[in-house]
Amino acid sequence: MTTLEDLWQGNIIPWEMYVRDNPHLKSLLSIAGENYDKLIADLTEKQMEILEKYKYTLFEMNSFTEQAAFKYGFSLGLRLIVESVMTEL
């Protein structure tokens, strides 16, 4: 199977690879989880609803920026390849 086929089939998931192999990020995620648990312990139902809306908004913003960064990085990589090939000609 080619790399493009693997990517299409979901066999290559770049963001998971980064998380899996990054101990610093794992540590930060653990700290964030602990702090989240402490935060929600004393929230009212209304405050919890507001927090969930806030989390969803952050998720949407992160998803958008990560997708834009991926597109830009992919495009930049292709342009670099094209330039290097054109320079060789």
Protein backbone atom coordinates (compact mmCIF):
# COMPACT_ATOMS: atom_id res chain seq x y z
CA MET A 1 0.00 0.00 0.00
CA THR A 2 1.31 3.48 -0.81
CA THR A 3 1.71 6.26 1.74
CA LEU A 4 -1.23 8.13 0.20
CA GLU A 5 -3.38 5.02 0.45
CA ASP A 6 -2.34 4.56 4.09
CA LEU A 7 -3.20 8.18 4.80
CA TRP A 8 -6.59 7.82 3.08
CA GLN A 9 -7.38 4.57 4.92
CA GLY A 10 -6.53 6.15 8.28
CA ASN A 11 -3.46 3.98 8.85
CA ILE A 12 -1.34 7.12 9.21
CA ILE A 13 -2.59 9.59 11.79
CA PRO A 14 0.09 12.27 12.21
CA TRP A 15 -1.36 13.99 15.28
CA GLU A 16 -1.62 10.71 17.19
CA MET A 17 1.95 9.81 16.35
CA TYR A 18 3.13 13.10 17.78
CA VAL A 19 1.19 12.64 21.02
CA ARG A 20 2.17 9.02 21.45
CA ASP A 21 5.89 9.77 21.15
CA ASN A 22 5.99 13.04 23.09
CA PRO A 23 6.50 12.60 26.85
CA HIS A 24 6.29 16.36 27.48
CA LEU A 25 2.89 16.58 25.81
CA LYS A 26 1.70 13.48 27.71
CA SER A 27 2.73 15.17 30.95
CA LEU A 28 0.89 18.36 30.03
CA LEU A 29 -2.23 16.39 29.16
CA SER A 30 -2.07 14.63 32.52
CA ILE A 31 -1.72 17.93 34.39
CA ALA A 32 -4.59 19.44 32.41
CA GLY A 33 -6.78 16.43 33.26
CA GLU A 34 -5.98 16.66 36.96
CA ASN A 35 -6.72 20.40 37.01
CA TYR A 36 -9.95 19.87 35.09
CA ASP A 37 -11.10 17.28 37.63
CA LYS A 38 -10.33 19.70 40.49
CA LEU A 39 -12.16 22.52 38.71
CA ILE A 40 -15.37 20.64 38.03
CA ALA A 41 -15.60 19.24 41.57
CA ASP A 42 -17.24 22.42 42.89
CA LEU A 43 -19.12 23.69 39.85
CA THR A 44 -22.87 24.08 39.72
CA GLU A 45 -24.82 22.52 36.88
CA LYS A 46 -25.07 25.91 35.12
CA GLN A 47 -21.33 26.54 35.52
CA MET A 48 -20.60 23.07 34.17
CA GLU A 49 -22.78 23.80 31.13
CA ILE A 50 -20.83 27.02 30.49
CA LEU A 51 -17.52 25.18 30.88
CA GLU A 52 -18.61 22.51 28.39
CA LYS A 53 -19.56 25.20 25.86
CA TYR A 54 -16.17 26.82 26.42
CA LYS A 55 -14.38 23.48 25.90
CA TYR A 56 -16.34 22.85 22.71
CA THR A 57 -15.43 26.29 21.38
CA LEU A 58 -11.74 25.69 22.14
CA PHE A 59 -11.95 22.30 20.43
CA GLU A 60 -13.45 23.87 17.32
CA MET A 61 -10.79 26.61 17.23
CA ASN A 62 -7.97 24.10 17.71
CA SER A 63 -9.39 21.82 15.05
CA PHE A 64 -9.61 24.68 12.58
CA THR A 65 -6.08 25.95 13.24
CA GLU A 66 -4.57 22.44 13.16
CA GLN A 67 -6.24 21.73 9.83
CA ALA A 68 -5.04 25.05 8.41
CA ALA A 69 -1.50 24.36 9.64
CA PHE A 70 -1.58 20.87 8.10
CA LYS A 71 -2.75 22.24 4.74
CA TYR A 72 -0.12 24.96 4.78
CA GLY A 73 2.64 22.53 5.76
CA PHE A 74 1.63 20.04 3.09
CA SER A 75 1.48 22.78 0.45
CA LEU A 76 4.82 24.20 1.54
CA GLY A 77 6.42 20.77 1.36
CA LEU A 78 5.12 20.25 -2.17
CA ARG A 79 6.36 23.67 -3.26
CA LEU A 80 9.81 22.88 -1.86
CA ILE A 81 9.86 19.61 -3.77
CA VAL A 82 8.77 21.32 -7.00
CA GLU A 83 11.41 24.02 -6.59
CA SER A 84 14.13 21.48 -5.91
CA VAL A 85 13.15 19.44 -8.96
CA MET A 86 12.92 22.54 -11.16
CA THR A 87 16.36 23.68 -9.96
CA GLU A 88 17.84 20.36 -11.03
CA LEU A 89 16.53 20.73 -14.58
